[in-house]
Amino acid sequence: MKHIWSILCQNSSVDSNTNLLSLFSCVEELNVAIDKEKMPKDNNLFVQIAFQLVSFWTVADKNKKNVLGIKLEVFDPNGKSLGVYDKDFNVAEKAPRFRSIISINGIKVTEAGRYIIKVLQKEDGSKKFKTVAELPLDIKIEYK
């Protein structure tokens, strides 16, 4: 399977009649307001915000049943890994392309700056993953 694109959004929808995909409220930046006195001492804040990572893939061999293994890894502005999300998708035989949608219900925040969400794909017949996309997410923090 070949990765074509990925995007972060708050919501997506697939029309059941036309199979058209709609992406709503694409996410490039988050503004977080925090009460300074409630900030955890270790600066690890969990921000509950629902968003989705939607990716589009093409299928190299559509004559077999394919399994797409995806891993998402979130990095803070200093390059520290903040979490990993794994998901396997079964792709139907004869499908020439595939859309994956992964729901994320929050993100750990350590400081303001540019976070990177890496999309990794499991290599065929291996347990190793390779990076196929890196999505920036700028997080601004306002202290009250």
N, C-alpha and C. Protein backbone atom coordinates (compact mmCIF):
# COMPACT_ATOMS: atom_id res chain seq x y z
N MET A 1 0.86 -1.17 0.00
CA MET A 1 0.00 0.00 0.00
C MET A 1 0.89 1.22 0.00
N LYS A 2 0.45 2.23 -0.72
CA LYS A 2 1.23 3.46 -0.82
C LYS A 2 0.43 4.61 -0.21
N HIS A 3 1.09 5.35 0.70
CA HIS A 3 0.47 6.51 1.33
C HIS A 3 0.45 7.66 0.32
N ILE A 4 -0.71 8.31 0.19
CA ILE A 4 -0.85 9.45 -0.72
C ILE A 4 -0.93 10.75 0.06
N TRP A 5 -1.84 10.84 1.04
CA TRP A 5 -1.94 12.04 1.87
C TRP A 5 -2.58 11.72 3.21
N SER A 6 -2.34 12.63 4.18
CA SER A 6 -2.98 12.57 5.50
C SER A 6 -3.30 13.99 5.93
N ILE A 7 -4.37 14.12 6.71
CA ILE A 7 -4.76 15.43 7.22
C ILE A 7 -5.45 15.26 8.58
N LEU A 8 -5.25 16.25 9.45
CA LEU A 8 -5.95 16.30 10.73
C LEU A 8 -7.20 17.14 10.57
N CYS A 9 -8.32 16.67 11.09
CA CYS A 9 -9.55 17.44 11.05
C CYS A 9 -10.38 17.11 12.28
N GLN A 10 -11.37 17.94 12.56
CA GLN A 10 -12.23 17.65 13.70
C GLN A 10 -13.24 16.57 13.38
N ASN A 11 -13.63 16.47 12.11
CA ASN A 11 -14.66 15.52 11.75
C ASN A 11 -14.57 15.21 10.26
N SER A 12 -15.04 14.03 9.89
CA SER A 12 -15.11 13.65 8.48
C SER A 12 -16.41 12.88 8.26
N SER A 13 -16.81 12.80 7.00
CA SER A 13 -18.03 12.10 6.68
C SER A 13 -17.89 11.48 5.29
N VAL A 14 -18.39 10.25 5.14
CA VAL A 14 -18.40 9.59 3.85
C VAL A 14 -19.85 9.42 3.44
N ASP A 15 -20.21 9.98 2.29
CA ASP A 15 -21.57 9.88 1.77
C ASP A 15 -21.83 8.45 1.33
N SER A 16 -22.87 7.83 1.85
CA SER A 16 -23.14 6.42 1.54
C SER A 16 -23.59 6.21 0.09
N ASN A 17 -24.15 7.22 -0.56
CA ASN A 17 -24.60 7.07 -1.94
C ASN A 17 -23.47 7.26 -2.95
N THR A 18 -22.59 8.22 -2.70
CA THR A 18 -21.56 8.55 -3.69
C THR A 18 -20.15 8.12 -3.26
N ASN A 19 -19.98 7.75 -2.00
CA ASN A 19 -18.68 7.40 -1.41
C ASN A 19 -17.72 8.58 -1.40
N LEU A 20 -18.26 9.81 -1.49
CA LEU A 20 -17.43 11.00 -1.42
C LEU A 20 -17.09 11.32 0.02
N LEU A 21 -15.86 11.73 0.24
CA LEU A 21 -15.36 12.06 1.57
C LEU A 21 -15.40 13.56 1.77
N SER A 22 -15.92 13.99 2.91
CA SER A 22 -15.90 15.40 3.28
C SER A 22 -15.10 15.54 4.57
N LEU A 23 -14.22 16.53 4.61
CA LEU A 23 -13.41 16.82 5.79
C LEU A 23 -13.88 18.14 6.36
N PHE A 24 -14.09 18.19 7.69
CA PHE A 24 -14.60 19.38 8.33
C PHE A 24 -13.60 19.90 9.36
N SER A 25 -13.42 21.20 9.38
CA SER A 25 -12.57 21.87 10.37
C SER A 25 -11.17 21.26 10.44
N CYS A 26 -10.42 21.43 9.36
CA CYS A 26 -9.05 20.92 9.32
C CYS A 26 -8.23 21.62 10.41
N VAL A 27 -7.39 20.86 11.08
CA VAL A 27 -6.67 21.34 12.26
C VAL A 27 -5.19 21.54 11.93
N GLU A 28 -4.72 22.77 12.10
CA GLU A 28 -3.31 23.10 11.95
C GLU A 28 -2.76 23.73 13.23
N GLU A 29 -3.68 24.25 14.04
CA GLU A 29 -3.28 24.98 15.23
C GLU A 29 -4.34 24.82 16.31
N LEU A 30 -3.88 24.71 17.55
CA LEU A 30 -4.77 24.68 18.70
C LEU A 30 -4.42 25.82 19.63
N ASN A 31 -5.41 26.51 20.15
CA ASN A 31 -5.22 27.53 21.17
C ASN A 31 -5.80 26.98 22.46
N VAL A 32 -4.94 26.86 23.47
CA VAL A 32 -5.33 26.27 24.74
C VAL A 32 -5.25 27.33 25.83
N ALA A 33 -6.34 27.52 26.57
CA ALA A 33 -6.36 28.45 27.70
C ALA A 33 -6.27 27.62 28.98
N ILE A 34 -5.29 27.95 29.83
CA ILE A 34 -5.03 27.17 31.04
C ILE A 34 -4.97 28.11 32.24
N ASP A 35 -5.61 27.68 33.31
CA ASP A 35 -5.46 28.36 34.59
C ASP A 35 -4.08 27.99 35.12
N LYS A 36 -3.19 28.97 35.23
CA LYS A 36 -1.79 28.72 35.61
C LYS A 36 -1.68 27.94 36.93
N GLU A 37 -2.60 28.18 37.83
CA GLU A 37 -2.55 27.50 39.12
C GLU A 37 -2.95 26.02 39.02
N LYS A 38 -3.64 25.65 37.95
CA LYS A 38 -4.06 24.27 37.76
C LYS A 38 -3.12 23.50 36.83
N MET A 39 -2.08 24.16 36.35
CA MET A 39 -1.11 23.50 35.48
C MET A 39 -0.36 22.44 36.29
N PRO A 40 -0.29 21.20 35.78
CA PRO A 40 0.44 20.16 36.51
C PRO A 40 1.91 20.55 36.70
N LYS A 41 2.47 20.11 37.81
CA LYS A 41 3.87 20.45 38.15
C LYS A 41 4.86 19.91 37.11
N ASP A 42 4.53 18.76 36.51
CA ASP A 42 5.45 18.16 35.53
C ASP A 42 5.24 18.71 34.11
N ASN A 43 4.35 19.71 33.96
CA ASN A 43 4.04 20.34 32.68
C ASN A 43 3.44 19.37 31.66
N ASN A 44 2.92 18.25 32.10
CA ASN A 44 2.25 17.32 31.20
C ASN A 44 0.74 17.49 31.35
N LEU A 45 0.18 18.24 30.44
CA LEU A 45 -1.24 18.54 30.45
C LEU A 45 -1.92 17.72 29.37
N PHE A 46 -3.06 17.12 29.69
CA PHE A 46 -3.82 16.37 28.70
C PHE A 46 -4.98 17.24 28.25
N VAL A 47 -5.00 17.61 26.97
CA VAL A 47 -6.05 18.44 26.41
C VAL A 47 -7.07 17.53 25.73
N GLN A 48 -8.29 17.54 26.25
CA GLN A 48 -9.33 16.71 25.66
C GLN A 48 -9.95 17.45 24.48
N ILE A 49 -9.55 17.03 23.31
CA ILE A 49 -10.11 17.56 22.08
C ILE A 49 -10.22 16.40 21.10
N ALA A 50 -11.38 16.26 20.51
CA ALA A 50 -11.58 15.16 19.56
C ALA A 50 -11.19 15.61 18.17
N PHE A 51 -10.34 14.83 17.53
CA PHE A 51 -10.04 15.07 16.13
C PHE A 51 -9.73 13.75 15.45
N GLN A 52 -9.61 13.79 14.13
CA GLN A 52 -9.37 12.59 13.35
C GLN A 52 -8.16 12.78 12.45
N LEU A 53 -7.45 11.70 12.25
CA LEU A 53 -6.40 11.69 11.24
C LEU A 53 -6.94 10.85 10.08
N VAL A 54 -7.15 11.51 8.93
CA VAL A 54 -7.69 10.84 7.76
C VAL A 54 -6.56 10.70 6.74
N SER A 55 -6.39 9.48 6.23
CA SER A 55 -5.33 9.21 5.26
C SER A 55 -5.91 8.52 4.04
N PHE A 56 -5.25 8.73 2.91
CA PHE A 56 -5.64 8.11 1.65
C PHE A 56 -4.48 7.26 1.16
N TRP A 57 -4.78 6.02 0.77
CA TRP A 57 -3.78 5.04 0.37
C TRP A 57 -4.18 4.42 -0.97
N THR A 58 -3.19 4.05 -1.78
CA THR A 58 -3.47 3.25 -2.97
C THR A 58 -2.98 1.83 -2.70
N VAL A 59 -3.66 0.88 -3.31
CA VAL A 59 -3.36 -0.53 -3.10
C VAL A 59 -2.49 -1.02 -4.24
N ALA A 60 -1.34 -1.61 -3.90
CA ALA A 60 -0.41 -2.10 -4.92
C ALA A 60 -0.92 -3.38 -5.56
N ASP A 61 -1.39 -4.33 -4.77
CA ASP A 61 -1.89 -5.60 -5.28
C ASP A 61 -3.32 -5.80 -4.83
N LYS A 62 -4.25 -5.41 -5.71
CA LYS A 62 -5.66 -5.49 -5.32
C LYS A 62 -6.26 -6.89 -5.48
N ASN A 63 -5.46 -7.86 -5.91
CA ASN A 63 -5.94 -9.22 -6.06
C ASN A 63 -5.80 -10.05 -4.79
N LYS A 64 -5.36 -9.42 -3.71
CA LYS A 64 -5.25 -10.12 -2.44
C LYS A 64 -5.87 -9.26 -1.35
N LYS A 65 -6.15 -9.91 -0.24
CA LYS A 65 -6.66 -9.16 0.91
C LYS A 65 -5.46 -8.50 1.58
N ASN A 66 -5.49 -7.21 1.76
CA ASN A 66 -4.40 -6.47 2.36
C ASN A 66 -4.74 -6.05 3.78
N VAL A 67 -3.72 -6.03 4.63
CA VAL A 67 -3.86 -5.51 5.98
C VAL A 67 -2.92 -4.32 6.08
N LEU A 68 -3.47 -3.18 6.46
CA LEU A 68 -2.69 -1.96 6.60
C LEU A 68 -2.45 -1.70 8.08
N GLY A 69 -1.20 -1.76 8.49
CA GLY A 69 -0.83 -1.46 9.87
C GLY A 69 -0.31 -0.03 9.96
N ILE A 70 -0.96 0.77 10.80
CA ILE A 70 -0.59 2.18 10.95
C ILE A 70 -0.24 2.44 12.42
N LYS A 71 0.74 3.29 12.60
CA LYS A 71 1.10 3.75 13.94
C LYS A 71 1.22 5.27 13.86
N LEU A 72 0.62 5.96 14.81
CA LEU A 72 0.77 7.41 14.94
C LEU A 72 1.63 7.67 16.16
N GLU A 73 2.58 8.59 16.03
CA GLU A 73 3.40 8.96 17.18
C GLU A 73 3.44 10.48 17.26
N VAL A 74 3.17 11.00 18.45
CA VAL A 74 3.11 12.44 18.68
C VAL A 74 4.39 12.88 19.38
N PHE A 75 5.01 13.95 18.85
CA PHE A 75 6.24 14.49 19.42
C PHE A 75 6.02 15.95 19.82
N ASP A 76 6.55 16.33 20.99
CA ASP A 76 6.46 17.72 21.43
C ASP A 76 7.53 18.56 20.73
N PRO A 77 7.56 19.88 20.96
CA PRO A 77 8.52 20.75 20.27
C PRO A 77 9.99 20.39 20.51
N ASN A 78 10.27 19.65 21.59
CA ASN A 78 11.66 19.23 21.87
C ASN A 78 11.98 17.85 21.32
N GLY A 79 11.04 17.25 20.59
CA GLY A 79 11.27 15.94 20.01
C GLY A 79 10.98 14.77 20.93
N LYS A 80 10.37 15.05 22.09
CA LYS A 80 10.02 14.00 23.05
C LYS A 80 8.73 13.31 22.60
N SER A 81 8.76 11.99 22.56
CA SER A 81 7.56 11.23 22.19
C SER A 81 6.54 11.31 23.32
N LEU A 82 5.29 11.64 22.97
CA LEU A 82 4.23 11.80 23.96
C LEU A 82 3.17 10.70 23.89
N GLY A 83 3.28 9.84 22.92
CA GLY A 83 2.29 8.76 22.83
C GLY A 83 2.27 8.13 21.46
N VAL A 84 1.83 6.89 21.45
CA VAL A 84 1.74 6.10 20.21
C VAL A 84 0.34 5.51 20.12
N TYR A 85 -0.22 5.55 18.92
CA TYR A 85 -1.52 4.95 18.65
C TYR A 85 -1.32 3.94 17.52
N ASP A 86 -1.70 2.68 17.74
CA ASP A 86 -1.60 1.63 16.72
C ASP A 86 -2.98 1.26 16.22
N LYS A 87 -3.06 0.94 14.94
CA LYS A 87 -4.35 0.51 14.38
C LYS A 87 -4.07 -0.33 13.14
N ASP A 88 -4.77 -1.45 13.02
CA ASP A 88 -4.71 -2.28 11.82
C ASP A 88 -6.04 -2.19 11.09
N PHE A 89 -5.96 -2.11 9.76
CA PHE A 89 -7.15 -2.04 8.92
C PHE A 89 -7.13 -3.21 7.95
N ASN A 90 -8.27 -3.87 7.79
CA ASN A 90 -8.41 -4.90 6.76
C ASN A 90 -8.97 -4.24 5.52
N VAL A 91 -8.25 -4.40 4.40
CA VAL A 91 -8.65 -3.79 3.14
C VAL A 91 -9.25 -4.88 2.26
N ALA A 92 -10.44 -4.62 1.74
CA ALA A 92 -11.15 -5.62 0.94
C ALA A 92 -10.39 -5.95 -0.34
N GLU A 93 -10.54 -7.21 -0.78
CA GLU A 93 -9.97 -7.61 -2.06
C GLU A 93 -10.59 -6.78 -3.17
N LYS A 94 -9.83 -6.56 -4.20
CA LYS A 94 -10.25 -5.80 -5.39
C LYS A 94 -10.36 -4.30 -5.15
N ALA A 95 -10.09 -3.84 -3.94
CA ALA A 95 -10.16 -2.40 -3.66
C ALA A 95 -8.91 -1.73 -4.22
N PRO A 96 -9.05 -0.74 -5.10
CA PRO A 96 -7.88 -0.07 -5.68
C PRO A 96 -7.29 1.01 -4.77
N ARG A 97 -8.07 1.42 -3.78
CA ARG A 97 -7.63 2.49 -2.87
C ARG A 97 -8.34 2.28 -1.53
N PHE A 98 -7.84 3.02 -0.52
CA PHE A 98 -8.38 2.84 0.83
C PHE A 98 -8.23 4.14 1.60
N ARG A 99 -9.23 4.46 2.41
CA ARG A 99 -9.17 5.61 3.32
C ARG A 99 -9.14 5.08 4.75
N SER A 100 -8.20 5.57 5.52
CA SER A 100 -8.18 5.21 6.94
C SER A 100 -8.57 6.44 7.75
N ILE A 101 -9.36 6.21 8.78
CA ILE A 101 -9.79 7.28 9.67
C ILE A 101 -9.51 6.82 11.10
N ILE A 102 -8.65 7.57 11.78
CA ILE A 102 -8.30 7.25 13.15
C ILE A 102 -8.77 8.40 14.05
N SER A 103 -9.61 8.07 15.01
CA SER A 103 -10.11 9.08 15.95
C SER A 103 -9.15 9.19 17.13
N ILE A 104 -8.86 10.43 17.51
CA ILE A 104 -7.98 10.72 18.64
C ILE A 104 -8.79 11.60 19.60
N ASN A 105 -8.83 11.21 20.86
CA ASN A 105 -9.68 11.91 21.83
C ASN A 105 -8.93 12.83 22.76
N GLY A 106 -7.74 13.21 22.41
CA GLY A 106 -6.99 14.14 23.24
C GLY A 106 -5.51 14.07 22.91
N ILE A 107 -4.79 15.06 23.40
CA ILE A 107 -3.36 15.13 23.14
C ILE A 107 -2.66 15.64 24.39
N LYS A 108 -1.51 15.05 24.67
CA LYS A 108 -0.70 15.50 25.79
C LYS A 108 0.07 16.73 25.33
N VAL A 109 0.10 17.76 26.18
CA VAL A 109 0.79 19.01 25.87
C VAL A 109 1.82 19.28 26.96
N THR A 110 3.06 19.56 26.55
CA THR A 110 4.12 19.86 27.51
C THR A 110 4.50 21.33 27.51
N GLU A 111 4.33 21.99 26.36
CA GLU A 111 4.66 23.41 26.22
C GLU A 111 4.09 23.93 24.90
N ALA A 112 4.12 25.23 24.73
CA ALA A 112 3.67 25.82 23.47
C ALA A 112 4.72 25.54 22.40
N GLY A 113 4.27 25.43 21.15
CA GLY A 113 5.20 25.23 20.05
C GLY A 113 4.63 24.29 19.00
N ARG A 114 5.52 23.83 18.12
CA ARG A 114 5.12 22.95 17.02
C ARG A 114 5.28 21.49 17.42
N TYR A 115 4.17 20.79 17.42
CA TYR A 115 4.13 19.36 17.67
C TYR A 115 4.13 18.65 16.31
N ILE A 116 4.67 17.47 16.27
CA ILE A 116 4.70 16.69 15.03
C ILE A 116 3.95 15.38 15.27
N ILE A 117 3.03 15.09 14.37
CA ILE A 117 2.34 13.80 14.40
C ILE A 117 2.87 13.00 13.22
N LYS A 118 3.60 11.94 13.55
CA LYS A 118 4.17 11.08 12.51
C LYS A 118 3.19 9.96 12.20
N VAL A 119 3.02 9.71 10.90
CA VAL A 119 2.23 8.58 10.42
C VAL A 119 3.22 7.53 9.94
N LEU A 120 3.18 6.36 10.58
CA LEU A 120 4.09 5.28 10.21
C LEU A 120 3.29 4.10 9.68
N GLN A 121 3.84 3.44 8.68
CA GLN A 121 3.18 2.30 8.05
C GLN A 121 4.02 1.05 8.30
N LYS A 122 3.34 -0.03 8.65
CA LYS A 122 4.05 -1.30 8.84
C LYS A 122 4.47 -1.82 7.48
N GLU A 123 5.74 -2.16 7.36
CA GLU A 123 6.25 -2.69 6.11
C GLU A 123 5.73 -4.10 5.90
N ASP A 124 5.44 -4.46 4.64
CA ASP A 124 4.88 -5.77 4.31
C ASP A 124 5.73 -6.90 4.88
N GLY A 125 5.07 -7.84 5.57
CA GLY A 125 5.74 -9.01 6.09
C GLY A 125 6.77 -8.73 7.17
N SER A 126 6.71 -7.57 7.80
CA SER A 126 7.70 -7.19 8.79
C SER A 126 7.00 -6.60 9.99
N LYS A 127 7.72 -6.51 11.10
CA LYS A 127 7.19 -5.81 12.27
C LYS A 127 7.70 -4.38 12.32
N LYS A 128 8.55 -4.01 11.35
CA LYS A 128 9.13 -2.68 11.32
C LYS A 128 8.15 -1.69 10.68
N PHE A 129 8.24 -0.44 11.14
CA PHE A 129 7.41 0.63 10.60
C PHE A 129 8.31 1.65 9.91
N LYS A 130 7.77 2.29 8.87
CA LYS A 130 8.48 3.39 8.22
C LYS A 130 7.59 4.63 8.23
N THR A 131 8.22 5.78 8.39
CA THR A 131 7.48 7.05 8.40
C THR A 131 7.05 7.39 6.99
N VAL A 132 5.74 7.67 6.81
CA VAL A 132 5.22 8.04 5.50
C VAL A 132 4.69 9.48 5.47
N ALA A 133 4.51 10.10 6.66
CA ALA A 133 4.05 11.49 6.70
C ALA A 133 4.37 12.08 8.07
N GLU A 134 4.59 13.40 8.08
CA GLU A 134 4.77 14.15 9.33
C GLU A 134 3.87 15.37 9.26
N LEU A 135 2.94 15.46 10.19
CA LEU A 135 1.97 16.55 10.20
C LEU A 135 2.28 17.51 11.34
N PRO A 136 2.45 18.80 11.03
CA PRO A 136 2.70 19.78 12.10
C PRO A 136 1.39 20.19 12.76
N LEU A 137 1.46 20.40 14.07
CA LEU A 137 0.32 20.91 14.83
C LEU A 137 0.87 21.96 15.79
N ASP A 138 0.58 23.23 15.51
CA ASP A 138 1.07 24.32 16.35
C ASP A 138 0.11 24.49 17.52
N ILE A 139 0.68 24.50 18.73
CA ILE A 139 -0.13 24.66 19.93
C ILE A 139 0.29 25.93 20.64
N LYS A 140 -0.68 26.80 20.83
CA LYS A 140 -0.46 28.05 21.56
C LYS A 140 -1.12 27.93 22.92
N ILE A 141 -0.43 28.37 23.96
CA ILE A 141 -0.97 28.28 25.32
C ILE A 141 -1.14 29.69 25.88
N GLU A 142 -2.34 29.95 26.37
CA GLU A 142 -2.63 31.23 27.03
C GLU A 142 -2.90 30.92 28.50
N TYR A 143 -2.10 31.56 29.37
CA TYR A 143 -2.28 31.35 30.81
C TYR A 143 -3.20 32.42 31.36
N LYS A 144 -4.17 32.00 32.15
CA LYS A 144 -5.13 32.92 32.76
C LYS A 144 -4.67 33.31 34.15
